[in-house]
Amino acid sequence: MAIGMTYEQYWYGDPLMVRAFYKAEQLRQERMNEEAWLFGAYTYRALDSTVGNMMRKKGAKLSEYPENPIGLVNQEETADENLEEQEEVYALAYMTNMVMAGKNWHK
């Protein structure tokens, strides 16, 4: 489910908040893409270990479905690279919310 900016946030909020929402949308789309790729990888392995094994020649090595979940590519490296960007987005969103809370304090 996509969560976008409200009318008030867009027109009356901090202009830098748009950047945080844009980055959040990019991260959401990237995650959806990785999930779709992973689904395809599991589907490929399932078909290869069933139909593929039926079609193999005698004596050829049989394919097996993995016993453990497939790990993503070097999760530690990816986490280190994106950590600074995520911290910046979180800090920006936090400060924007604090500014908005300060503007609405007297209401």
C-alpha atoms as a PDB file:
ATOM      1  CA  MET A   1       0.000   0.000   0.000  1.00  0.00           C
ATOM      2  CA  ALA A   2       1.492   3.291  -1.054  1.00  0.00           C
ATOM      3  CA  ILE A   3       1.443   6.062   1.491  1.00  0.00           C
ATOM      4  CA  GLY A   4       1.743   9.497  -0.049  1.00  0.00           C
ATOM      5  CA  MET A   5       1.859  13.007   1.233  1.00  0.00           C
ATOM      6  CA  THR A   6      -1.341  14.639   2.388  1.00  0.00           C
ATOM      7  CA  TYR A   7      -2.548  17.899   0.902  1.00  0.00           C
ATOM      8  CA  GLU A   8      -1.467  19.810   4.006  1.00  0.00           C
ATOM      9  CA  GLN A   9       1.976  18.209   4.061  1.00  0.00           C
ATOM     10  CA  TYR A  10       2.584  19.068   0.431  1.00  0.00           C
ATOM     11  CA  TRP A  11       1.375  22.666   0.458  1.00  0.00           C
ATOM     12  CA  TYR A  12       2.064  23.775   4.042  1.00  0.00           C
ATOM     13  CA  GLY A  13       4.838  21.452   5.158  1.00  0.00           C
ATOM     14  CA  ASP A  14       8.571  21.646   4.813  1.00  0.00           C
ATOM     15  CA  PRO A  15       9.622  21.520   1.135  1.00  0.00           C
ATOM     16  CA  LEU A  16      12.363  19.038   2.026  1.00  0.00           C
ATOM     17  CA  MET A  17       9.680  16.609   3.147  1.00  0.00           C
ATOM     18  CA  VAL A  18       8.905  15.913  -0.526  1.00  0.00           C
ATOM     19  CA  ARG A  19      12.429  14.537  -0.879  1.00  0.00           C
ATOM     20  CA  ALA A  20      11.897  12.168   2.050  1.00  0.00           C
ATOM     21  CA  PHE A  21       8.621  10.880   0.600  1.00  0.00           C
ATOM     22  CA  TYR A  22      10.279  10.460  -2.815  1.00  0.00           C
ATOM     23  CA  LYS A  23      13.133   8.450  -1.283  1.00  0.00           C
ATOM     24  CA  ALA A  24      10.658   6.336   0.680  1.00  0.00           C
ATOM     25  CA  GLU A  25       8.779   5.576  -2.550  1.00  0.00           C
ATOM     26  CA  GLN A  26      12.045   4.594  -4.272  1.00  0.00           C
ATOM     27  CA  LEU A  27      12.888   2.225  -1.404  1.00  0.00           C
ATOM     28  CA  ARG A  28       9.372   0.724  -1.529  1.00  0.00           C
ATOM     29  CA  GLN A  29       9.639   0.095  -5.270  1.00  0.00           C
ATOM     30  CA  GLU A  30      13.117  -1.397  -4.875  1.00  0.00           C
ATOM     31  CA  ARG A  31      11.827  -3.771  -2.209  1.00  0.00           C
ATOM     32  CA  MET A  32       8.876  -4.819  -4.393  1.00  0.00           C
ATOM     33  CA  ASN A  33      11.300  -5.503  -7.249  1.00  0.00           C
ATOM     34  CA  GLU A  34      13.536  -7.639  -5.023  1.00  0.00           C
ATOM     35  CA  GLU A  35      10.515  -9.581  -3.729  1.00  0.00           C
ATOM     36  CA  ALA A  36       9.359 -10.238  -7.304  1.00  0.00           C
ATOM     37  CA  TRP A  37      12.858 -11.413  -8.254  1.00  0.00           C
ATOM     38  CA  LEU A  38      12.985 -13.710  -5.225  1.00  0.00           C
ATOM     39  CA  PHE A  39       9.569 -15.132  -6.102  1.00  0.00           C
ATOM     40  CA  GLY A  40      10.871 -15.844  -9.610  1.00  0.00           C
ATOM     41  CA  ALA A  41      13.975 -17.525  -8.197  1.00  0.00           C
ATOM     42  CA  TYR A  42      11.853 -19.824  -6.014  1.00  0.00           C
ATOM     43  CA  THR A  43       9.544 -20.607  -8.952  1.00  0.00           C
ATOM     44  CA  TYR A  44      12.535 -21.424 -11.163  1.00  0.00           C
ATOM     45  CA  ARG A  45      14.004 -23.727  -8.519  1.00  0.00           C
ATOM     46  CA  ALA A  46      10.660 -25.474  -8.006  1.00  0.00           C
ATOM     47  CA  LEU A  47      10.173 -26.074 -11.726  1.00  0.00           C
ATOM     48  CA  ASP A  48      13.785 -27.132 -12.207  1.00  0.00           C
ATOM     49  CA  SER A  49      13.602 -29.643  -9.358  1.00  0.00           C
ATOM     50  CA  THR A  50      10.350 -31.183 -10.662  1.00  0.00           C
ATOM     51  CA  VAL A  51       9.829 -30.809 -14.401  1.00  0.00           C
ATOM     52  CA  GLY A  52      13.518 -30.284 -15.082  1.00  0.00           C
ATOM     53  CA  ASN A  53      14.420 -33.529 -13.341  1.00  0.00           C
ATOM     54  CA  MET A  54      11.823 -35.412 -15.404  1.00  0.00           C
ATOM     55  CA  MET A  55      13.384 -34.108 -18.636  1.00  0.00           C
ATOM     56  CA  ARG A  56      17.011 -34.804 -17.770  1.00  0.00           C
ATOM     57  CA  LYS A  57      18.958 -37.544 -19.481  1.00  0.00           C
ATOM     58  CA  LYS A  58      19.859 -40.657 -17.543  1.00  0.00           C
ATOM     59  CA  GLY A  59      22.946 -40.167 -15.426  1.00  0.00           C
ATOM     60  CA  ALA A  60      22.655 -36.358 -15.376  1.00  0.00           C
ATOM     61  CA  LYS A  61      22.835 -34.689 -11.998  1.00  0.00           C
ATOM     62  CA  LEU A  62      19.393 -34.091 -10.515  1.00  0.00           C
ATOM     63  CA  SER A  63      18.434 -30.686  -9.225  1.00  0.00           C
ATOM     64  CA  GLU A  64      17.098 -30.327  -5.696  1.00  0.00           C
ATOM     65  CA  TYR A  65      14.877 -27.670  -4.212  1.00  0.00           C
ATOM     66  CA  PRO A  66      16.820 -25.701  -1.554  1.00  0.00           C
ATOM     67  CA  GLU A  67      16.229 -26.739   2.045  1.00  0.00           C
ATOM     68  CA  ASN A  68      16.884 -23.241   3.398  1.00  0.00           C
ATOM     69  CA  PRO A  69      15.627 -19.841   2.224  1.00  0.00           C
ATOM     70  CA  ILE A  70      17.620 -18.087  -0.457  1.00  0.00           C
ATOM     71  CA  GLY A  71      19.795 -15.330   1.018  1.00  0.00           C
ATOM     72  CA  LEU A  72      20.022 -11.945  -0.636  1.00  0.00           C
ATOM     73  CA  VAL A  73      23.319 -10.756  -2.115  1.00  0.00           C
ATOM     74  CA  ASN A  74      25.734  -9.591   0.608  1.00  0.00           C
ATOM     75  CA  GLN A  75      23.190  -8.080   2.952  1.00  0.00           C
ATOM     76  CA  GLU A  76      25.924  -6.538   5.116  1.00  0.00           C
ATOM     77  CA  GLU A  77      27.461  -4.564   2.231  1.00  0.00           C
ATOM     78  CA  THR A  78      24.072  -3.345   1.046  1.00  0.00           C
ATOM     79  CA  ALA A  79      23.139  -2.312   4.575  1.00  0.00           C
ATOM     80  CA  ASP A  80      26.354  -0.307   4.996  1.00  0.00           C
ATOM     81  CA  GLU A  81      25.857   1.513   1.699  1.00  0.00           C
ATOM     82  CA  ASN A  82      22.256   2.472   2.375  1.00  0.00           C
ATOM     83  CA  LEU A  83      22.672   3.250   6.077  1.00  0.00           C
ATOM     84  CA  GLU A  84      23.743   6.855   5.597  1.00  0.00           C
ATOM     85  CA  GLU A  85      20.967   7.535   3.090  1.00  0.00           C
ATOM     86  CA  GLN A  86      18.344   5.996   5.386  1.00  0.00           C
ATOM     87  CA  GLU A  87      19.587   7.958   8.391  1.00  0.00           C
ATOM     88  CA  GLU A  88      19.344  11.185   6.388  1.00  0.00           C
ATOM     89  CA  VAL A  89      15.779  10.404   5.296  1.00  0.00           C
ATOM     90  CA  TYR A  90      14.709   9.488   8.838  1.00  0.00           C
ATOM     91  CA  ALA A  91      16.320  12.601  10.301  1.00  0.00           C
ATOM     92  CA  LEU A  92      14.659  14.795   7.702  1.00  0.00           C
ATOM     93  CA  ALA A  93      11.233  13.250   8.320  1.00  0.00           C
ATOM     94  CA  TYR A  94      11.675  13.557  12.100  1.00  0.00           C
ATOM     95  CA  MET A  95      12.704  17.208  11.933  1.00  0.00           C
ATOM     96  CA  THR A  96       9.846  18.001   9.578  1.00  0.00           C
ATOM     97  CA  ASN A  97       7.354  16.458  11.986  1.00  0.00           C
ATOM     98  CA  MET A  98       8.878  18.427  14.866  1.00  0.00           C
ATOM     99  CA  VAL A  99       8.602  21.684  12.889  1.00  0.00           C
ATOM    100  CA  MET A 100       4.977  20.930  12.027  1.00  0.00           C
ATOM    101  CA  ALA A 101       4.241  20.114  15.672  1.00  0.00           C
ATOM    102  CA  GLY A 102       5.794  23.440  16.688  1.00  0.00           C
ATOM    103  CA  LYS A 103       3.672  25.351  14.143  1.00  0.00           C
ATOM    104  CA  ASN A 104       0.489  23.699  15.421  1.00  0.00           C
ATOM    105  CA  TRP A 105       1.384  24.025  19.121  1.00  0.00           C
ATOM    106  CA  HIS A 106      -0.870  27.013  19.771  1.00  0.00           C
ATOM    107  CA  LYS A 107      -3.918  25.477  18.083  1.00  0.00           C
END
